[in-house]
Amino acid sequence: SIQTKSHQQGALQGLLVSLTNATGVIGPLLFAVIYNHSLPIWDGWIWIIGLAFYCIIILLSMTFMLTPQAQGSKQETSA
């Protein structure tokens, strides 16, 4: 945070809050529709779909953490 300008930090914080609010609206609506459509087939599908979303997020997080840019920032903080 020392190397980043305050207006850039504010822009990033604003983006994160916007994404949080958007997912707070879209997520429940999306899963309500999925649950409504999957209920006649099997009421457990919503859990399987939720698990799939978590697996995708974990894989994306691990991929991001292993990028050279992320590795460089880890080395800078440990030095």
C-alpha atoms as a PDB file:
ATOM      1  CA  SER A   1       0.000   0.000   0.000  1.00  0.00           C
ATOM      2  CA  ILE A   2       2.981   2.302   0.426  1.00  0.00           C
ATOM      3  CA  GLN A   3       3.965   1.938  -3.246  1.00  0.00           C
ATOM      4  CA  THR A   4       0.425   2.606  -4.532  1.00  0.00           C
ATOM      5  CA  LYS A   5      -1.089   6.070  -4.833  1.00  0.00           C
ATOM      6  CA  SER A   6      -4.103   6.854  -2.685  1.00  0.00           C
ATOM      7  CA  HIS A   7      -6.441   7.461  -5.651  1.00  0.00           C
ATOM      8  CA  GLN A   8      -5.518   4.026  -7.055  1.00  0.00           C
ATOM      9  CA  GLN A   9      -6.255   2.432  -3.690  1.00  0.00           C
ATOM     10  CA  GLY A  10      -9.598   4.237  -3.589  1.00  0.00           C
ATOM     11  CA  ALA A  11     -10.470   3.070  -7.096  1.00  0.00           C
ATOM     12  CA  LEU A  12      -9.637  -0.518  -6.182  1.00  0.00           C
ATOM     13  CA  GLN A  13     -11.660  -0.295  -2.978  1.00  0.00           C
ATOM     14  CA  GLY A  14     -14.610   1.118  -4.922  1.00  0.00           C
ATOM     15  CA  LEU A  15     -14.367  -1.706  -7.448  1.00  0.00           C
ATOM     16  CA  LEU A  16     -14.289  -4.334  -4.700  1.00  0.00           C
ATOM     17  CA  VAL A  17     -17.329  -2.844  -2.965  1.00  0.00           C
ATOM     18  CA  SER A  18     -19.192  -2.697  -6.284  1.00  0.00           C
ATOM     19  CA  LEU A  19     -18.393  -6.356  -6.997  1.00  0.00           C
ATOM     20  CA  THR A  20     -19.476  -7.350  -3.501  1.00  0.00           C
ATOM     21  CA  ASN A  21     -22.798  -5.552  -3.911  1.00  0.00           C
ATOM     22  CA  ALA A  22     -23.368  -6.981  -7.398  1.00  0.00           C
ATOM     23  CA  THR A  23     -22.738 -10.540  -6.229  1.00  0.00           C
ATOM     24  CA  GLY A  24     -25.016  -9.924  -3.255  1.00  0.00           C
ATOM     25  CA  VAL A  25     -27.849  -9.219  -5.689  1.00  0.00           C
ATOM     26  CA  ILE A  26     -27.031 -11.595  -8.553  1.00  0.00           C
ATOM     27  CA  GLY A  27     -26.010 -14.615  -6.457  1.00  0.00           C
ATOM     28  CA  PRO A  28     -29.281 -15.160  -4.592  1.00  0.00           C
ATOM     29  CA  LEU A  29     -31.334 -14.540  -7.738  1.00  0.00           C
ATOM     30  CA  LEU A  30     -29.222 -16.963  -9.763  1.00  0.00           C
ATOM     31  CA  PHE A  31     -29.369 -19.713  -7.158  1.00  0.00           C
ATOM     32  CA  ALA A  32     -33.110 -19.210  -6.630  1.00  0.00           C
ATOM     33  CA  VAL A  33     -33.663 -19.801 -10.352  1.00  0.00           C
ATOM     34  CA  ILE A  34     -31.334 -22.822 -10.356  1.00  0.00           C
ATOM     35  CA  TYR A  35     -33.026 -24.266  -7.282  1.00  0.00           C
ATOM     36  CA  ASN A  36     -36.493 -23.708  -8.737  1.00  0.00           C
ATOM     37  CA  HIS A  37     -35.563 -25.501 -11.979  1.00  0.00           C
ATOM     38  CA  SER A  38     -33.665 -28.360 -10.332  1.00  0.00           C
ATOM     39  CA  LEU A  39     -36.154 -29.073  -7.527  1.00  0.00           C
ATOM     40  CA  PRO A  40     -38.442 -31.364  -9.576  1.00  0.00           C
ATOM     41  CA  ILE A  41     -35.436 -33.458 -10.645  1.00  0.00           C
ATOM     42  CA  TRP A  42     -33.477 -33.678  -7.384  1.00  0.00           C
ATOM     43  CA  ASP A  43     -33.303 -31.163  -4.556  1.00  0.00           C
ATOM     44  CA  GLY A  44     -29.586 -31.860  -4.036  1.00  0.00           C
ATOM     45  CA  TRP A  45     -28.493 -30.319  -7.337  1.00  0.00           C
ATOM     46  CA  ILE A  46     -28.117 -26.907  -5.732  1.00  0.00           C
ATOM     47  CA  TRP A  47     -25.389 -28.306  -3.455  1.00  0.00           C
ATOM     48  CA  ILE A  48     -23.547 -29.901  -6.378  1.00  0.00           C
ATOM     49  CA  ILE A  49     -23.683 -26.655  -8.345  1.00  0.00           C
ATOM     50  CA  GLY A  50     -22.451 -24.719  -5.305  1.00  0.00           C
ATOM     51  CA  LEU A  51     -19.564 -27.172  -4.955  1.00  0.00           C
ATOM     52  CA  ALA A  52     -18.704 -26.679  -8.630  1.00  0.00           C
ATOM     53  CA  PHE A  53     -18.599 -22.895  -8.140  1.00  0.00           C
ATOM     54  CA  TYR A  54     -16.312 -23.288  -5.123  1.00  0.00           C
ATOM     55  CA  CYS A  55     -13.975 -25.600  -7.064  1.00  0.00           C
ATOM     56  CA  ILE A  56     -13.789 -23.110  -9.934  1.00  0.00           C
ATOM     57  CA  ILE A  57     -12.977 -20.265  -7.534  1.00  0.00           C
ATOM     58  CA  ILE A  58     -10.296 -22.325  -5.781  1.00  0.00           C
ATOM     59  CA  LEU A  59      -8.673 -23.211  -9.121  1.00  0.00           C
ATOM     60  CA  LEU A  60      -8.757 -19.575 -10.248  1.00  0.00           C
ATOM     61  CA  SER A  61      -7.268 -18.451  -6.929  1.00  0.00           C
ATOM     62  CA  MET A  62      -4.483 -21.011  -7.138  1.00  0.00           C
ATOM     63  CA  THR A  63      -3.767 -20.028 -10.748  1.00  0.00           C
ATOM     64  CA  PHE A  64      -3.572 -16.355  -9.807  1.00  0.00           C
ATOM     65  CA  MET A  65      -1.286 -17.086  -6.854  1.00  0.00           C
ATOM     66  CA  LEU A  66       1.097 -19.020  -9.106  1.00  0.00           C
ATOM     67  CA  THR A  67       1.497 -16.307 -11.763  1.00  0.00           C
ATOM     68  CA  PRO A  68       4.979 -14.754 -12.062  1.00  0.00           C
ATOM     69  CA  GLN A  69       3.654 -11.339 -10.994  1.00  0.00           C
ATOM     70  CA  ALA A  70       2.267 -12.801  -7.759  1.00  0.00           C
ATOM     71  CA  GLN A  71       5.519 -14.682  -7.183  1.00  0.00           C
ATOM     72  CA  GLY A  72       7.485 -11.436  -7.621  1.00  0.00           C
ATOM     73  CA  SER A  73       5.381  -9.633  -5.043  1.00  0.00           C
ATOM     74  CA  LYS A  74       5.886 -12.497  -2.583  1.00  0.00           C
ATOM     75  CA  GLN A  75       9.658 -12.276  -3.048  1.00  0.00           C
ATOM     76  CA  GLU A  76       9.631  -8.498  -2.540  1.00  0.00           C
ATOM     77  CA  THR A  77       7.790  -8.782   0.759  1.00  0.00           C
ATOM     78  CA  SER A  78      10.076 -11.496   2.094  1.00  0.00           C
ATOM     79  CA  ALA A  79      13.274  -9.569   1.246  1.00  0.00           C
END
